[in-house]
């Protein structure tokens, strides 16, 4: 018989929450600005590279999800972060190719 491991809540569980926040931070628009831009403007900061902060959030989520795999929701957060980081990388490569050749 196969033993089922009991997953517990822990710091790794924050991986999914951080990944979802990073998606909302980068891809939800309010009045023509991303939520990240809107939050920083509300706080009085002028930021032009909110995508970089999103990448940092995804990397943090990936680290927590990979480091604490045994925590509840951690593997899902890590997978989601990997997916969006690959998407960011793919879009950056496509943008660079377009900039160079078109």
C-alpha atoms as a PDB file:
ATOM      1  CA  UNK A   1       0.000   0.000   0.000  1.00  0.00           C
ATOM      2  CA  UNK A   2       1.119   3.471  -0.794  1.00  0.00           C
ATOM      3  CA  UNK A   3       1.477   5.874   2.072  1.00  0.00           C
ATOM      4  CA  UNK A   4      -0.063   9.283   1.566  1.00  0.00           C
ATOM      5  CA  UNK A   5       1.962  12.120   2.924  1.00  0.00           C
ATOM      6  CA  UNK A   6       0.119  14.780   4.799  1.00  0.00           C
ATOM      7  CA  UNK A   7       0.913  18.223   3.515  1.00  0.00           C
ATOM      8  CA  UNK A   8       1.006  21.022   6.015  1.00  0.00           C
ATOM      9  CA  UNK A   9       0.598  24.743   5.710  1.00  0.00           C
ATOM     10  CA  UNK A  10       3.813  26.704   5.938  1.00  0.00           C
ATOM     11  CA  UNK A  11       5.913  29.390   4.345  1.00  0.00           C
ATOM     12  CA  UNK A  12       5.929  27.434   1.084  1.00  0.00           C
ATOM     13  CA  UNK A  13       2.159  27.867   0.935  1.00  0.00           C
ATOM     14  CA  UNK A  14       2.783  31.554   0.278  1.00  0.00           C
ATOM     15  CA  UNK A  15       4.247  30.591  -3.093  1.00  0.00           C
ATOM     16  CA  UNK A  16       0.845  30.408  -4.775  1.00  0.00           C
ATOM     17  CA  UNK A  17      -0.360  33.603  -3.106  1.00  0.00           C
ATOM     18  CA  UNK A  18       2.735  35.515  -4.258  1.00  0.00           C
ATOM     19  CA  UNK A  19       2.426  34.116  -7.794  1.00  0.00           C
ATOM     20  CA  UNK A  20      -1.236  35.162  -8.028  1.00  0.00           C
ATOM     21  CA  UNK A  21      -0.351  38.616  -6.673  1.00  0.00           C
ATOM     22  CA  UNK A  22       2.427  38.930  -9.288  1.00  0.00           C
ATOM     23  CA  UNK A  23      -0.047  38.089 -12.071  1.00  0.00           C
ATOM     24  CA  UNK A  24      -2.537  40.660 -10.793  1.00  0.00           C
ATOM     25  CA  UNK A  25       0.282  43.182 -10.226  1.00  0.00           C
ATOM     26  CA  UNK A  26       1.441  42.884 -13.858  1.00  0.00           C
ATOM     27  CA  UNK A  27      -1.645  42.077 -15.890  1.00  0.00           C
ATOM     28  CA  UNK A  28      -4.659  43.733 -14.247  1.00  0.00           C
ATOM     29  CA  UNK A  29      -5.380  47.197 -15.625  1.00  0.00           C
ATOM     30  CA  UNK A  30      -7.122  50.064 -13.845  1.00  0.00           C
ATOM     31  CA  UNK A  31      -7.743  53.217 -15.893  1.00  0.00           C
ATOM     32  CA  UNK A  32      -5.080  52.343 -18.431  1.00  0.00           C
ATOM     33  CA  UNK A  33      -2.375  51.463 -15.885  1.00  0.00           C
ATOM     34  CA  UNK A  34      -1.374  48.117 -14.465  1.00  0.00           C
ATOM     35  CA  UNK A  35      -2.247  47.554 -10.837  1.00  0.00           C
ATOM     36  CA  UNK A  36       1.474  47.798 -10.020  1.00  0.00           C
ATOM     37  CA  UNK A  37       1.787  51.213 -11.656  1.00  0.00           C
ATOM     38  CA  UNK A  38      -1.402  52.361  -9.978  1.00  0.00           C
ATOM     39  CA  UNK A  39      -0.192  51.228  -6.541  1.00  0.00           C
ATOM     40  CA  UNK A  40       3.178  52.926  -6.912  1.00  0.00           C
ATOM     41  CA  UNK A  41       1.622  56.147  -8.228  1.00  0.00           C
ATOM     42  CA  UNK A  42      -0.792  56.140  -5.273  1.00  0.00           C
ATOM     43  CA  UNK A  43       2.160  55.769  -2.888  1.00  0.00           C
ATOM     44  CA  UNK A  44       3.963  58.640  -4.611  1.00  0.00           C
ATOM     45  CA  UNK A  45       6.633  56.597  -6.409  1.00  0.00           C
ATOM     46  CA  UNK A  46       7.321  56.965 -10.099  1.00  0.00           C
ATOM     47  CA  UNK A  47       8.184  53.568 -11.540  1.00  0.00           C
ATOM     48  CA  UNK A  48       8.638  52.609 -15.164  1.00  0.00           C
ATOM     49  CA  UNK A  49       9.841  49.019 -14.749  1.00  0.00           C
ATOM     50  CA  UNK A  50       6.926  47.406 -12.924  1.00  0.00           C
ATOM     51  CA  UNK A  51       7.541  44.262 -14.981  1.00  0.00           C
ATOM     52  CA  UNK A  52      10.866  43.868 -13.201  1.00  0.00           C
ATOM     53  CA  UNK A  53       9.096  43.861  -9.845  1.00  0.00           C
ATOM     54  CA  UNK A  54       6.735  41.216 -11.205  1.00  0.00           C
ATOM     55  CA  UNK A  55       9.700  39.075 -12.238  1.00  0.00           C
ATOM     56  CA  UNK A  56      11.181  39.448  -8.754  1.00  0.00           C
ATOM     57  CA  UNK A  57       7.854  38.349  -7.247  1.00  0.00           C
ATOM     58  CA  UNK A  58       7.734  35.324  -9.565  1.00  0.00           C
ATOM     59  CA  UNK A  59      11.322  34.405  -8.629  1.00  0.00           C
ATOM     60  CA  UNK A  60      10.450  34.676  -4.932  1.00  0.00           C
ATOM     61  CA  UNK A  61       7.412  32.469  -5.483  1.00  0.00           C
ATOM     62  CA  UNK A  62       9.492  29.950  -7.436  1.00  0.00           C
ATOM     63  CA  UNK A  63      12.110  29.856  -4.678  1.00  0.00           C
ATOM     64  CA  UNK A  64       9.542  29.312  -1.920  1.00  0.00           C
ATOM     65  CA  UNK A  65       7.639  26.710  -3.925  1.00  0.00           C
ATOM     66  CA  UNK A  66      10.790  24.788  -4.807  1.00  0.00           C
ATOM     67  CA  UNK A  67      12.407  25.037  -1.389  1.00  0.00           C
ATOM     68  CA  UNK A  68       9.320  23.994   0.599  1.00  0.00           C
ATOM     69  CA  UNK A  69       7.775  21.417  -1.751  1.00  0.00           C
ATOM     70  CA  UNK A  70       6.125  19.565   1.103  1.00  0.00           C
ATOM     71  CA  UNK A  71       3.945  22.545   2.058  1.00  0.00           C
ATOM     72  CA  UNK A  72       0.382  22.769   0.846  1.00  0.00           C
ATOM     73  CA  UNK A  73      -0.006  24.700  -2.485  1.00  0.00           C
ATOM     74  CA  UNK A  74       3.775  25.213  -2.845  1.00  0.00           C
ATOM     75  CA  UNK A  75       4.210  23.010  -5.954  1.00  0.00           C
ATOM     76  CA  UNK A  76       1.325  24.774  -7.703  1.00  0.00           C
ATOM     77  CA  UNK A  77       2.840  28.184  -6.945  1.00  0.00           C
ATOM     78  CA  UNK A  78       6.226  27.055  -8.237  1.00  0.00           C
ATOM     79  CA  UNK A  79       4.689  25.693 -11.437  1.00  0.00           C
ATOM     80  CA  UNK A  80       2.701  28.883 -12.002  1.00  0.00           C
ATOM     81  CA  UNK A  81       5.829  30.985 -11.440  1.00  0.00           C
ATOM     82  CA  UNK A  82       7.872  28.867 -13.845  1.00  0.00           C
ATOM     83  CA  UNK A  83       5.172  29.228 -16.482  1.00  0.00           C
ATOM     84  CA  UNK A  84       5.026  33.013 -16.230  1.00  0.00           C
ATOM     85  CA  UNK A  85       8.815  33.378 -16.106  1.00  0.00           C
ATOM     86  CA  UNK A  86       9.047  31.329 -19.310  1.00  0.00           C
ATOM     87  CA  UNK A  87       6.342  33.555 -20.813  1.00  0.00           C
ATOM     88  CA  UNK A  88       8.285  36.695 -19.828  1.00  0.00           C
ATOM     89  CA  UNK A  89      11.472  35.234 -21.318  1.00  0.00           C
ATOM     90  CA  UNK A  90       9.715  34.215 -24.524  1.00  0.00           C
ATOM     91  CA  UNK A  91       8.147  37.658 -24.932  1.00  0.00           C
ATOM     92  CA  UNK A  92      11.506  39.336 -24.274  1.00  0.00           C
ATOM     93  CA  UNK A  93      13.181  37.213 -26.962  1.00  0.00           C
ATOM     94  CA  UNK A  94      10.374  37.917 -29.442  1.00  0.00           C
ATOM     95  CA  UNK A  95      10.588  41.634 -28.668  1.00  0.00           C
ATOM     96  CA  UNK A  96      14.360  41.639 -29.168  1.00  0.00           C
ATOM     97  CA  UNK A  97      14.028  39.807 -32.485  1.00  0.00           C
ATOM     98  CA  UNK A  98      11.373  42.250 -33.674  1.00  0.00           C
ATOM     99  CA  UNK A  99      13.513  45.192 -32.616  1.00  0.00           C
ATOM    100  CA  UNK A 100      16.577  43.876 -34.421  1.00  0.00           C
ATOM    101  CA  UNK A 101      15.024  42.668 -37.664  1.00  0.00           C
ATOM    102  CA  UNK A 102      11.827  44.634 -38.261  1.00  0.00           C
END
